[in-house]
C-alpha atoms as a PDB file:
ATOM      1  CA  MET A   1     -27.290 -49.616 -59.312  1.00  0.00           C
ATOM      2  CA  SER A   2     -25.314 -50.031 -56.264  1.00  0.00           C
ATOM      3  CA  ILE A   3     -21.054 -49.917 -56.547  1.00  0.00           C
ATOM      4  CA  GLY A   4     -18.913 -51.549 -54.818  1.00  0.00           C
ATOM      5  CA  TYR A   5     -19.637 -54.411 -52.377  1.00  0.00           C
ATOM      6  CA  SER A   6     -22.900 -55.536 -51.180  1.00  0.00           C
ATOM      7  CA  SER A   7     -23.495 -55.272 -47.595  1.00  0.00           C
ATOM      8  CA  SER A   8     -23.733 -58.838 -46.910  1.00  0.00           C
ATOM      9  CA  HIS A   9     -19.952 -58.662 -47.740  1.00  0.00           C
ATOM     10  CA  ARG A  10     -19.187 -56.128 -45.552  1.00  0.00           C
ATOM     11  CA  ASN A  11     -17.615 -56.571 -41.628  1.00  0.00           C
ATOM     12  CA  TYR A  12     -19.730 -53.070 -40.662  1.00  0.00           C
ATOM     13  CA  GLY A  13     -22.712 -52.272 -40.416  1.00  0.00           C
ATOM     14  CA  THR A  14     -25.923 -52.765 -38.013  1.00  0.00           C
ATOM     15  CA  GLN A  15     -25.185 -56.521 -38.285  1.00  0.00           C
ATOM     16  CA  HIS A  16     -21.267 -56.722 -37.525  1.00  0.00           C
ATOM     17  CA  PRO A  17     -20.831 -53.809 -34.640  1.00  0.00           C
ATOM     18  CA  VAL A  18     -17.474 -53.007 -33.897  1.00  0.00           C
ATOM     19  CA  SER A  19     -16.617 -51.978 -30.296  1.00  0.00           C
ATOM     20  CA  GLU A  20     -15.048 -48.858 -29.645  1.00  0.00           C
ATOM     21  CA  PRO A  21     -11.328 -48.804 -28.009  1.00  0.00           C
ATOM     22  CA  GLN A  22     -11.729 -47.908 -24.086  1.00  0.00           C
ATOM     23  CA  SER A  23      -9.493 -44.947 -22.606  1.00  0.00           C
ATOM     24  CA  GLY A  24      -7.503 -44.549 -25.794  1.00  0.00           C
ATOM     25  CA  ARG A  25      -6.044 -48.402 -25.833  1.00  0.00           C
ATOM     26  CA  PRO A  26      -6.130 -50.242 -28.605  1.00  0.00           C
ATOM     27  CA  PRO A  27      -8.043 -53.098 -29.076  1.00  0.00           C
ATOM     28  CA  TYR A  28      -6.654 -56.912 -27.465  1.00  0.00           C
ATOM     29  CA  LYS A  29      -5.858 -58.853 -30.586  1.00  0.00           C
ATOM     30  CA  GLY A  30      -7.128 -62.319 -31.300  1.00  0.00           C
ATOM     31  CA  GLY A  31     -10.300 -60.855 -29.547  1.00  0.00           C
ATOM     32  CA  HIS A  32      -8.913 -61.971 -26.022  1.00  0.00           C
ATOM     33  CA  LYS A  33      -8.119 -59.904 -22.751  1.00  0.00           C
ATOM     34  CA  PRO A  34      -5.470 -60.829 -21.110  1.00  0.00           C
ATOM     35  CA  HIS A  35      -6.008 -62.590 -17.453  1.00  0.00           C
ATOM     36  CA  ALA A  36      -6.077 -60.163 -14.176  1.00  0.00           C
ATOM     37  CA  SER A  37      -3.092 -62.067 -13.003  1.00  0.00           C
ATOM     38  CA  HIS A  38      -0.841 -61.481 -15.971  1.00  0.00           C
ATOM     39  CA  ALA A  39      -1.776 -57.356 -15.772  1.00  0.00           C
ATOM     40  CA  ALA A  40      -0.855 -57.276 -12.114  1.00  0.00           C
ATOM     41  CA  ARG A  41       2.433 -59.269 -12.410  1.00  0.00           C
ATOM     42  CA  GLY A  42       3.430 -56.998 -14.701  1.00  0.00           C
ATOM     43  CA  LEU A  43       2.721 -53.605 -12.340  1.00  0.00           C
ATOM     44  CA  VAL A  44       4.565 -55.564  -9.458  1.00  0.00           C
ATOM     45  CA  ALA A  45       7.675 -55.839 -11.989  1.00  0.00           C
ATOM     46  CA  ARG A  46       7.292 -52.384 -13.119  1.00  0.00           C
ATOM     47  CA  MET A  47       7.030 -50.998  -9.356  1.00  0.00           C
ATOM     48  CA  TRP A  48      10.400 -53.275  -8.580  1.00  0.00           C
ATOM     49  CA  GLU A  49      12.335 -51.886 -11.459  1.00  0.00           C
ATOM     50  CA  PHE A  50      11.385 -48.951 -10.608  1.00  0.00           C
ATOM     51  CA  LEU A  51      12.556 -49.334  -6.628  1.00  0.00           C
ATOM     52  CA  HIS A  52      15.331 -51.328  -7.559  1.00  0.00           C
ATOM     53  CA  PRO A  53      16.736 -50.537 -11.130  1.00  0.00           C
ATOM     54  CA  GLY A  54      19.287 -52.680 -12.688  1.00  0.00           C
ATOM     55  CA  PRO A  55      23.086 -51.479 -12.572  1.00  0.00           C
ATOM     56  CA  ASP A  56      23.609 -48.789 -15.010  1.00  0.00           C
ATOM     57  CA  SER A  57      27.741 -49.224 -15.078  1.00  0.00           C
ATOM     58  CA  LYS A  58      30.182 -52.287 -15.588  1.00  0.00           C
ATOM     59  CA  ARG A  59      31.191 -51.183 -12.138  1.00  0.00           C
ATOM     60  CA  GLU A  60      27.609 -50.996 -11.040  1.00  0.00           C
ATOM     61  CA  LEU A  61      27.184 -54.567 -12.719  1.00  0.00           C
ATOM     62  CA  ILE A  62      30.448 -56.305 -10.831  1.00  0.00           C
ATOM     63  CA  GLN A  63      29.737 -54.713  -7.586  1.00  0.00           C
ATOM     64  CA  THR A  64      25.883 -56.343  -7.787  1.00  0.00           C
ATOM     65  CA  LEU A  65      28.025 -59.706  -8.381  1.00  0.00           C
ATOM     66  CA  ALA A  66      29.576 -59.203  -5.072  1.00  0.00           C
ATOM     67  CA  ASP A  67      26.935 -58.851  -3.563  1.00  0.00           C
ATOM     68  CA  ALA A  68      25.345 -61.937  -4.577  1.00  0.00           C
ATOM     69  CA  GLU A  69      28.492 -64.006  -3.662  1.00  0.00           C
ATOM     70  CA  GLN A  70      28.153 -61.982  -0.008  1.00  0.00           C
ATOM     71  CA  ARG A  71      24.736 -63.425   0.224  1.00  0.00           C
ATOM     72  CA  GLU A  72      26.110 -66.745  -1.428  1.00  0.00           C
ATOM     73  CA  LEU A  73      23.539 -67.180  -4.295  1.00  0.00           C
ATOM     74  CA  ILE A  74      27.056 -67.676  -6.838  1.00  0.00           C
ATOM     75  CA  GLU A  75      29.892 -69.649  -5.573  1.00  0.00           C
ATOM     76  CA  PRO A  76      33.300 -67.570  -5.190  1.00  0.00           C
ATOM     77  CA  GLU A  77      35.230 -69.136  -8.119  1.00  0.00           C
ATOM     78  CA  SER A  78      31.500 -67.952 -10.182  1.00  0.00           C
ATOM     79  CA  LEU A  79      32.452 -64.594  -9.110  1.00  0.00           C
ATOM     80  CA  GLN A  80      36.280 -64.689 -10.320  1.00  0.00           C
ATOM     81  CA  MET A  81      34.692 -65.834 -13.807  1.00  0.00           C
ATOM     82  CA  LEU A  82      32.362 -63.365 -14.275  1.00  0.00           C
ATOM     83  CA  GLU A  83      34.676 -60.852 -13.031  1.00  0.00           C
ATOM     84  CA  GLY A  84      37.114 -61.833 -15.965  1.00  0.00           C
ATOM     85  CA  VAL A  85      34.876 -61.945 -18.368  1.00  0.00           C
ATOM     86  CA  LEU A  86      33.216 -58.310 -17.995  1.00  0.00           C
ATOM     87  CA  ARG A  87      36.991 -56.964 -17.422  1.00  0.00           C
ATOM     88  CA  MET A  88      38.549 -59.367 -20.312  1.00  0.00           C
ATOM     89  CA  ALA A  89      36.231 -57.192 -22.785  1.00  0.00           C
ATOM     90  CA  GLU A  90      38.134 -54.007 -21.967  1.00  0.00           C
ATOM     91  CA  LEU A  91      41.772 -55.615 -22.723  1.00  0.00           C
ATOM     92  CA  SER A  92      43.510 -56.185 -25.655  1.00  0.00           C
ATOM     93  CA  ALA A  93      46.638 -58.506 -27.260  1.00  0.00           C
ATOM     94  CA  GLY A  94      49.260 -55.915 -26.116  1.00  0.00           C
ATOM     95  CA  ASP A  95      48.024 -55.830 -22.325  1.00  0.00           C
ATOM     96  CA  VAL A  96      48.470 -59.404 -21.820  1.00  0.00           C
ATOM     97  CA  MET A  97      51.444 -60.791 -24.915  1.00  0.00           C
ATOM     98  CA  VAL A  98      54.390 -61.814 -23.622  1.00  0.00           C
ATOM     99  CA  ALA A  99      56.894 -59.519 -25.008  1.00  0.00           C
ATOM    100  CA  ALA A 100      59.108 -60.168 -27.702  1.00  0.00           C
ATOM    101  CA  PRO A 101      62.594 -59.780 -25.625  1.00  0.00           C
ATOM    102  CA  ARG A 102      61.031 -63.040 -23.565  1.00  0.00           C
ATOM    103  CA  MET A 103      59.664 -65.163 -26.815  1.00  0.00           C
ATOM    104  CA  ASP A 104      61.437 -68.124 -27.222  1.00  0.00           C
ATOM    105  CA  LEU A 105      62.034 -68.592 -30.572  1.00  0.00           C
ATOM    106  CA  LEU A 106      63.279 -71.500 -33.495  1.00  0.00           C
ATOM    107  CA  ASP A 107      66.237 -70.714 -35.814  1.00  0.00           C
ATOM    108  CA  ILE A 108      65.174 -72.429 -39.144  1.00  0.00           C
ATOM    109  CA  GLU A 109      68.842 -72.787 -39.558  1.00  0.00           C
ATOM    110  CA  ALA A 110      70.004 -74.471 -36.524  1.00  0.00           C
ATOM    111  CA  PRO A 111      71.194 -77.776 -36.516  1.00  0.00           C
ATOM    112  CA  TYR A 112      67.984 -80.626 -35.228  1.00  0.00           C
ATOM    113  CA  GLU A 113      70.349 -81.389 -31.784  1.00  0.00           C
ATOM    114  CA  GLU A 114      70.310 -77.688 -31.100  1.00  0.00           C
ATOM    115  CA  LEU A 115      66.045 -77.082 -31.609  1.00  0.00           C
ATOM    116  CA  LEU A 116      65.872 -80.233 -29.883  1.00  0.00           C
ATOM    117  CA  GLY A 117      67.656 -78.834 -27.090  1.00  0.00           C
ATOM    118  CA  LEU A 118      65.937 -75.538 -26.550  1.00  0.00           C
ATOM    119  CA  VAL A 119      62.357 -77.354 -27.002  1.00  0.00           C
ATOM    120  CA  ILE A 120      63.703 -79.545 -24.016  1.00  0.00           C
ATOM    121  CA  ASP A 121      64.850 -76.420 -22.068  1.00  0.00           C
ATOM    122  CA  THR A 122      61.739 -74.469 -22.053  1.00  0.00           C
ATOM    123  CA  GLY A 123      58.849 -76.983 -22.175  1.00  0.00           C
ATOM    124  CA  HIS A 124      56.542 -75.104 -24.686  1.00  0.00           C
ATOM    125  CA  SER A 125      54.027 -76.827 -26.478  1.00  0.00           C
ATOM    126  CA  ARG A 126      54.309 -74.369 -29.270  1.00  0.00           C
ATOM    127  CA  PHE A 127      57.553 -72.212 -31.013  1.00  0.00           C
ATOM    128  CA  PRO A 128      57.678 -69.454 -33.530  1.00  0.00           C
ATOM    129  CA  VAL A 129      60.082 -70.049 -36.203  1.00  0.00           C
ATOM    130  CA  PHE A 130      62.048 -67.230 -37.812  1.00  0.00           C
ATOM    131  CA  GLU A 131      64.792 -66.962 -40.685  1.00  0.00           C
ATOM    132  CA  GLY A 132      67.758 -64.714 -40.764  1.00  0.00           C
ATOM    133  CA  GLN A 133      66.245 -62.100 -38.258  1.00  0.00           C
ATOM    134  CA  LYS A 134      64.220 -62.413 -35.133  1.00  0.00           C
ATOM    135  CA  ASP A 135      61.660 -60.421 -36.324  1.00  0.00           C
ATOM    136  CA  ASN A 136      61.079 -62.556 -39.326  1.00  0.00           C
ATOM    137  CA  ILE A 137      58.748 -64.833 -38.042  1.00  0.00           C
ATOM    138  CA  ILE A 138      57.774 -67.426 -41.130  1.00  0.00           C
ATOM    139  CA  GLY A 139      56.097 -70.153 -38.894  1.00  0.00           C
ATOM    140  CA  ILE A 140      54.960 -72.181 -35.971  1.00  0.00           C
ATOM    141  CA  LEU A 141      56.434 -75.066 -35.146  1.00  0.00           C
ATOM    142  CA  LEU A 142      54.584 -78.021 -32.981  1.00  0.00           C
ATOM    143  CA  ALA A 143      57.189 -79.463 -30.723  1.00  0.00           C
ATOM    144  CA  LYS A 144      55.423 -82.771 -31.177  1.00  0.00           C
ATOM    145  CA  ASP A 145      56.175 -82.428 -34.963  1.00  0.00           C
ATOM    146  CA  LEU A 146      59.841 -82.063 -34.722  1.00  0.00           C
ATOM    147  CA  LEU A 147      60.210 -85.440 -33.241  1.00  0.00           C
ATOM    148  CA  LYS A 148      59.270 -86.481 -36.698  1.00  0.00           C
ATOM    149  CA  ILE A 149      62.243 -85.412 -37.945  1.00  0.00           C
ATOM    150  CA  GLN A 150      63.872 -88.213 -35.040  1.00  0.00           C
ATOM    151  CA  ARG A 151      61.962 -91.005 -37.186  1.00  0.00           C
ATOM    152  CA  SER A 152      62.057 -89.496 -40.517  1.00  0.00           C
ATOM    153  CA  PRO A 153      65.679 -87.577 -41.058  1.00  0.00           C
ATOM    154  CA  GLU A 154      64.348 -86.829 -44.806  1.00  0.00           C
ATOM    155  CA  LEU A 155      62.116 -84.356 -43.665  1.00  0.00           C
ATOM    156  CA  ASN A 156      62.383 -80.619 -44.343  1.00  0.00           C
ATOM    157  CA  LEU A 157      61.637 -78.446 -41.362  1.00  0.00           C
ATOM    158  CA  ARG A 158      59.839 -75.779 -43.265  1.00  0.00           C
ATOM    159  CA  ALA A 159      57.611 -78.693 -44.135  1.00  0.00           C
ATOM    160  CA  LEU A 160      56.547 -79.045 -40.711  1.00  0.00           C
ATOM    161  CA  LEU A 161      55.715 -75.540 -39.906  1.00  0.00           C
ATOM    162  CA  ARG A 162      52.468 -73.863 -39.850  1.00  0.00           C
ATOM    163  CA  PRO A 163      51.275 -70.721 -40.999  1.00  0.00           C
ATOM    164  CA  PRO A 164      51.980 -67.970 -38.348  1.00  0.00           C
ATOM    165  CA  ILE A 165      48.611 -65.843 -37.235  1.00  0.00           C
ATOM    166  CA  PHE A 166      49.176 -62.084 -36.858  1.00  0.00           C
ATOM    167  CA  VAL A 167      47.267 -59.906 -34.672  1.00  0.00           C
ATOM    168  CA  PRO A 168      47.722 -56.092 -34.021  1.00  0.00           C
ATOM    169  CA  GLU A 169      48.343 -54.712 -30.464  1.00  0.00           C
ATOM    170  CA  SER A 170      45.001 -53.635 -29.947  1.00  0.00           C
ATOM    171  CA  LYS A 171      43.215 -56.616 -31.218  1.00  0.00           C
ATOM    172  CA  GLU A 172      40.868 -57.068 -28.260  1.00  0.00           C
ATOM    173  CA  LEU A 173      41.022 -60.430 -26.531  1.00  0.00           C
ATOM    174  CA  ASN A 174      37.018 -61.055 -26.915  1.00  0.00           C
ATOM    175  CA  GLU A 175      37.867 -60.512 -30.575  1.00  0.00           C
ATOM    176  CA  LEU A 176      40.870 -62.825 -30.504  1.00  0.00           C
ATOM    177  CA  LEU A 177      39.255 -65.691 -28.191  1.00  0.00           C
ATOM    178  CA  ARG A 178      37.112 -65.805 -31.439  1.00  0.00           C
ATOM    179  CA  ASP A 179      39.772 -66.217 -33.557  1.00  0.00           C
ATOM    180  CA  PHE A 180      41.523 -68.883 -31.644  1.00  0.00           C
ATOM    181  CA  ARG A 181      38.364 -70.912 -31.847  1.00  0.00           C
ATOM    182  CA  SER A 182      36.973 -70.207 -35.225  1.00  0.00           C
ATOM    183  CA  ASN A 183      40.599 -71.159 -36.411  1.00  0.00           C
ATOM    184  CA  ARG A 184      41.792 -73.723 -34.542  1.00  0.00           C
ATOM    185  CA  SER A 185      44.676 -72.413 -33.460  1.00  0.00           C
ATOM    186  CA  HIS A 186      47.128 -71.399 -29.837  1.00  0.00           C
ATOM    187  CA  LEU A 187      48.947 -69.274 -30.006  1.00  0.00           C
ATOM    188  CA  ALA A 188      49.369 -65.553 -32.584  1.00  0.00           C
ATOM    189  CA  ILE A 189      52.060 -63.576 -32.776  1.00  0.00           C
ATOM    190  CA  VAL A 190      51.307 -59.734 -32.238  1.00  0.00           C
ATOM    191  CA  ILE A 191      52.543 -56.655 -34.007  1.00  0.00           C
ATOM    192  CA  ASP A 192      52.870 -53.697 -33.315  1.00  0.00           C
ATOM    193  CA  GLU A 193      51.714 -50.142 -35.515  1.00  0.00           C
ATOM    194  CA  PHE A 194      55.127 -50.570 -37.926  1.00  0.00           C
ATOM    195  CA  GLY A 195      54.626 -54.136 -38.763  1.00  0.00           C
ATOM    196  CA  ASN A 196      57.474 -54.937 -35.790  1.00  0.00           C
ATOM    197  CA  THR A 197      56.933 -58.185 -34.040  1.00  0.00           C
ATOM    198  CA  ALA A 198      56.051 -56.584 -30.282  1.00  0.00           C
ATOM    199  CA  GLY A 199      55.168 -60.010 -28.774  1.00  0.00           C
ATOM    200  CA  LEU A 200      52.899 -63.327 -28.596  1.00  0.00           C
ATOM    201  CA  ILE A 201      49.813 -64.664 -27.165  1.00  0.00           C
ATOM    202  CA  THR A 202      48.309 -68.183 -26.760  1.00  0.00           C
ATOM    203  CA  ILE A 203      44.902 -69.177 -25.632  1.00  0.00           C
ATOM    204  CA  GLU A 204      45.760 -70.168 -22.980  1.00  0.00           C
ATOM    205  CA  ASP A 205      46.879 -66.452 -22.154  1.00  0.00           C
ATOM    206  CA  VAL A 206      43.266 -65.206 -22.698  1.00  0.00           C
ATOM    207  CA  LEU A 207      41.809 -67.940 -20.719  1.00  0.00           C
ATOM    208  CA  GLU A 208      43.808 -67.301 -17.739  1.00  0.00           C
ATOM    209  CA  GLU A 209      41.818 -63.371 -17.485  1.00  0.00           C
ATOM    210  CA  ILE A 210      38.711 -65.219 -16.815  1.00  0.00           C
ATOM    211  CA  VAL A 211      39.517 -68.587 -14.792  1.00  0.00           C
ATOM    212  CA  GLY A 212      42.975 -67.683 -13.391  1.00  0.00           C
ATOM    213  CA  GLU A 213      45.866 -68.995 -13.521  1.00  0.00           C
ATOM    214  CA  ILE A 214      45.966 -72.473 -15.314  1.00  0.00           C
ATOM    215  CA  GLU A 215      48.337 -74.915 -13.069  1.00  0.00           C
ATOM    216  CA  ASP A 216      50.573 -77.071 -15.416  1.00  0.00           C
ATOM    217  CA  GLU A 217      50.616 -80.909 -14.366  1.00  0.00           C
ATOM    218  CA  PHE A 218      54.628 -80.329 -14.415  1.00  0.00           C
ATOM    219  CA  ASP A 219      54.780 -77.808 -11.783  1.00  0.00           C
ATOM    220  CA  ASP A 220      55.793 -79.151  -8.735  1.00  0.00           C
ATOM    221  CA  LYS A 221      54.880 -77.017  -5.769  1.00  0.00           C
ATOM    222  CA  VAL A 222      57.709 -75.580  -3.091  1.00  0.00           C
ATOM    223  CA  GLY A 223      57.353 -76.513   0.350  1.00  0.00           C
ATOM    224  CA  SER A 224      55.085 -72.972   0.792  1.00  0.00           C
ATOM    225  CA  SER A 225      52.388 -73.016   3.453  1.00  0.00           C
ATOM    226  CA  ASP A 226      51.142 -70.172   0.908  1.00  0.00           C
ATOM    227  CA  ASN A 227      50.830 -72.205  -1.684  1.00  0.00           C
ATOM    228  CA  SER A 228      52.912 -69.231  -3.638  1.00  0.00           C
ATOM    229  CA  ILE A 229      55.986 -70.541  -4.695  1.00  0.00           C
ATOM    230  CA  TYR A 230      56.286 -73.401  -7.682  1.00  0.00           C
ATOM    231  CA  THR A 231      58.912 -75.234  -9.586  1.00  0.00           C
ATOM    232  CA  LEU A 232      58.296 -74.973 -13.000  1.00  0.00           C
ATOM    233  CA  ALA A 233      59.727 -77.728 -15.617  1.00  0.00           C
ATOM    234  CA  ASP A 234      62.894 -75.530 -16.109  1.00  0.00           C
ATOM    235  CA  GLY A 235      63.878 -75.722 -12.894  1.00  0.00           C
ATOM    236  CA  SER A 236      63.181 -71.825 -12.160  1.00  0.00           C
ATOM    237  CA  GLN A 237      60.242 -70.805  -9.657  1.00  0.00           C
ATOM    238  CA  ARG A 238      56.901 -69.344 -10.085  1.00  0.00           C
ATOM    239  CA  VAL A 239      55.995 -66.620  -7.086  1.00  0.00           C
ATOM    240  CA  ALA A 240      52.759 -65.375  -6.744  1.00  0.00           C
ATOM    241  CA  GLY A 241      53.057 -61.695  -6.768  1.00  0.00           C
ATOM    242  CA  ASP A 242      50.916 -61.434  -3.322  1.00  0.00           C
ATOM    243  CA  ALA A 243      53.562 -63.945  -1.853  1.00  0.00           C
ATOM    244  CA  THR A 244      54.726 -62.837   1.593  1.00  0.00           C
ATOM    245  CA  ILE A 245      58.383 -60.884   1.620  1.00  0.00           C
ATOM    246  CA  VAL A 246      59.366 -64.170   4.052  1.00  0.00           C
ATOM    247  CA  ALA A 247      58.096 -66.850   2.619  1.00  0.00           C
ATOM    248  CA  VAL A 248      60.294 -65.396  -0.614  1.00  0.00           C
ATOM    249  CA  ASN A 249      63.044 -65.029   1.866  1.00  0.00           C
ATOM    250  CA  GLN A 250      62.785 -68.321   3.403  1.00  0.00           C
ATOM    251  CA  ALA A 251      62.548 -70.079  -0.513  1.00  0.00           C
ATOM    252  CA  PHE A 252      65.659 -68.422  -2.040  1.00  0.00           C
ATOM    253  CA  ASP A 253      67.590 -67.643   1.141  1.00  0.00           C
ATOM    254  CA  VAL A 254      68.234 -63.941   0.860  1.00  0.00           C
ATOM    255  CA  VAL A 255      67.308 -61.243   2.727  1.00  0.00           C
ATOM    256  CA  LEU A 256      64.544 -58.847   1.664  1.00  0.00           C
ATOM    257  CA  ALA A 257      63.648 -55.747   3.868  1.00  0.00           C
ATOM    258  CA  GLU A 258      60.228 -56.864   5.547  1.00  0.00           C
ATOM    259  CA  ASP A 259      59.619 -53.771   6.953  1.00  0.00           C
ATOM    260  CA  ASP A 260      58.307 -51.459   4.460  1.00  0.00           C
ATOM    261  CA  PHE A 261      56.002 -54.121   1.910  1.00  0.00           C
ATOM    262  CA  ASP A 262      54.522 -57.394   3.030  1.00  0.00           C
ATOM    263  CA  THR A 263      53.894 -59.002  -0.435  1.00  0.00           C
ATOM    264  CA  ILE A 264      56.904 -59.459  -3.217  1.00  0.00           C
ATOM    265  CA  GLY A 265      54.686 -57.759  -5.279  1.00  0.00           C
ATOM    266  CA  GLY A 266      54.870 -54.305  -3.568  1.00  0.00           C
ATOM    267  CA  LEU A 267      58.689 -54.463  -2.930  1.00  0.00           C
ATOM    268  CA  VAL A 268      59.403 -55.274  -6.937  1.00  0.00           C
ATOM    269  CA  ALA A 269      56.876 -52.640  -8.099  1.00  0.00           C
ATOM    270  CA  HIS A 270      58.097 -50.234  -5.360  1.00  0.00           C
ATOM    271  CA  GLN A 271      62.124 -50.508  -6.428  1.00  0.00           C
ATOM    272  CA  HIS A 272      61.102 -51.133 -10.836  1.00  0.00           C
ATOM    273  CA  GLY A 273      58.962 -47.090  -9.931  1.00  0.00           C
ATOM    274  CA  ARG A 274      55.478 -48.817 -10.782  1.00  0.00           C
ATOM    275  CA  VAL A 275      53.973 -52.603 -11.478  1.00  0.00           C
ATOM    276  CA  PRO A 276      55.810 -54.087 -14.385  1.00  0.00           C
ATOM    277  CA  ARG A 277      54.053 -55.227 -17.237  1.00  0.00           C
ATOM    278  CA  ARG A 278      54.437 -58.378 -18.246  1.00  0.00           C
ATOM    279  CA  GLY A 279      57.244 -59.269 -20.060  1.00  0.00           C
ATOM    280  CA  GLU A 280      59.237 -56.869 -17.749  1.00  0.00           C
ATOM    281  CA  ALA A 281      62.188 -58.209 -15.375  1.00  0.00           C
ATOM    282  CA  VAL A 282      63.314 -56.650 -11.869  1.00  0.00           C
ATOM    283  CA  GLU A 283      66.779 -57.817 -10.671  1.00  0.00           C
ATOM    284  CA  ILE A 284      67.055 -57.436  -6.892  1.00  0.00           C
ATOM    285  CA  ALA A 285      69.057 -58.856  -4.419  1.00  0.00           C
ATOM    286  CA  GLY A 286      70.285 -61.180  -7.045  1.00  0.00           C
ATOM    287  CA  LEU A 287      67.074 -62.425  -8.223  1.00  0.00           C
ATOM    288  CA  ARG A 288      65.487 -61.754 -11.409  1.00  0.00           C
ATOM    289  CA  PHE A 289      61.798 -61.657 -11.278  1.00  0.00           C
ATOM    290  CA  SER A 290      60.628 -61.625 -14.561  1.00  0.00           C
ATOM    291  CA  VAL A 291      56.423 -60.786 -14.783  1.00  0.00           C
ATOM    292  CA  MET A 292      54.021 -63.510 -16.037  1.00  0.00           C
ATOM    293  CA  LEU A 293      50.900 -62.631 -15.453  1.00  0.00           C
ATOM    294  CA  THR A 294      49.282 -59.646 -14.448  1.00  0.00           C
ATOM    295  CA  ARG A 295      45.888 -58.868 -13.332  1.00  0.00           C
ATOM    296  CA  GLY A 296      43.718 -55.929 -12.126  1.00  0.00           C
ATOM    297  CA  GLY A 297      46.850 -53.712 -12.268  1.00  0.00           C
ATOM    298  CA  ALA A 298      48.213 -55.947  -9.652  1.00  0.00           C
ATOM    299  CA  VAL A 299      51.241 -58.598 -11.011  1.00  0.00           C
ATOM    300  CA  ARG A 300      49.764 -62.390 -10.500  1.00  0.00           C
ATOM    301  CA  TRP A 301      52.861 -64.198 -11.561  1.00  0.00           C
ATOM    302  CA  PHE A 302      56.603 -63.622 -11.067  1.00  0.00           C
ATOM    303  CA  LYS A 303      58.929 -66.220 -12.690  1.00  0.00           C
ATOM    304  CA  VAL A 304      62.082 -65.797 -10.562  1.00  0.00           C
ATOM    305  CA  THR A 305      66.021 -66.792 -11.418  1.00  0.00           C
ATOM    306  CA  ARG A 306      69.067 -66.160 -10.169  1.00  0.00           C
ATOM    307  CA  ALA A 307      70.417 -63.201 -11.992  1.00  0.00           C
ATOM    308  CA  HIS A 308      73.662 -64.598 -12.917  1.00  0.00           C
ATOM    309  CA  GLY A 309      72.216 -68.432 -13.500  1.00  0.00           C
ATOM    310  CA  LYS A 310      72.574 -70.114 -10.472  1.00  0.00           C
ATOM    311  CA  GLU A 311      70.315 -72.455  -9.597  1.00  0.00           C
ATOM    312  CA  SER A 312      67.674 -71.311  -6.917  1.00  0.00           C
ATOM    313  CA  PRO A 313      67.933 -73.527  -3.195  1.00  0.00           C
ATOM    314  CA  ALA A 314      64.509 -73.558  -4.069  1.00  0.00           C
ATOM    315  CA  SER A 315      64.739 -76.030  -6.833  1.00  0.00           C
END
């Protein structure tokens, strides 16, 4: 008596032979051998990859993208955004935040008229609100919400505050952008390692690292041929870091030396001893140059005001 499966149920034997693998290769699954053209394309792809290996570092990738732009495979604007995306991965909230001394804050105890005046003067849409000390941020007020008190004076300002979002200086911009989107928030308070307020950062600040400066509909261009000097809503001027010193002299009716430096960014960095960070300010020839935006180790935009509060001729 035989034990086990009968020969009629077996998958081997003289009736159903199995072909042996050739050249050490496993048998093709499904019983169908790939078409010769597929194998040829695979060989060509491997040869191309061997002769033209892909970039091994972020620097090589950026150079590859730059070469593609030179060959007109991608648009210059696309290259700028792609480079911004790659560089943004190396930046943190502390790199692009508005430093605490430059923050426009609202005092919860201030009268309504004072709050409204500050909102109008600065032109921001969101404001951190503090109680007691400026380091004690208790909420975020939307400018449009402040108008509700004018219609309904019985409203309590505290009831209009949105909960503040706090992030550390080391928070990566990629992660912060995801948080802004998921939380549907536009502003976060940046804190240092000791829990003190270091500054603030907005979703616009993060996006500008990718797409460049986002123009405001209320920003009027000053009569400058190189589009490097604009008048802001508060009457101050926004000046590009690569604006020529000649253009700055003409716009502000000052006399800055034009011999050693061509751009205002180079002159300010020389006077400061290094490239100033965002939120820092340098005074030269009666003008106060406050850094609004930096990119790639250079100042992209300054906010320029008279050092003693005088209106500038450029306005």
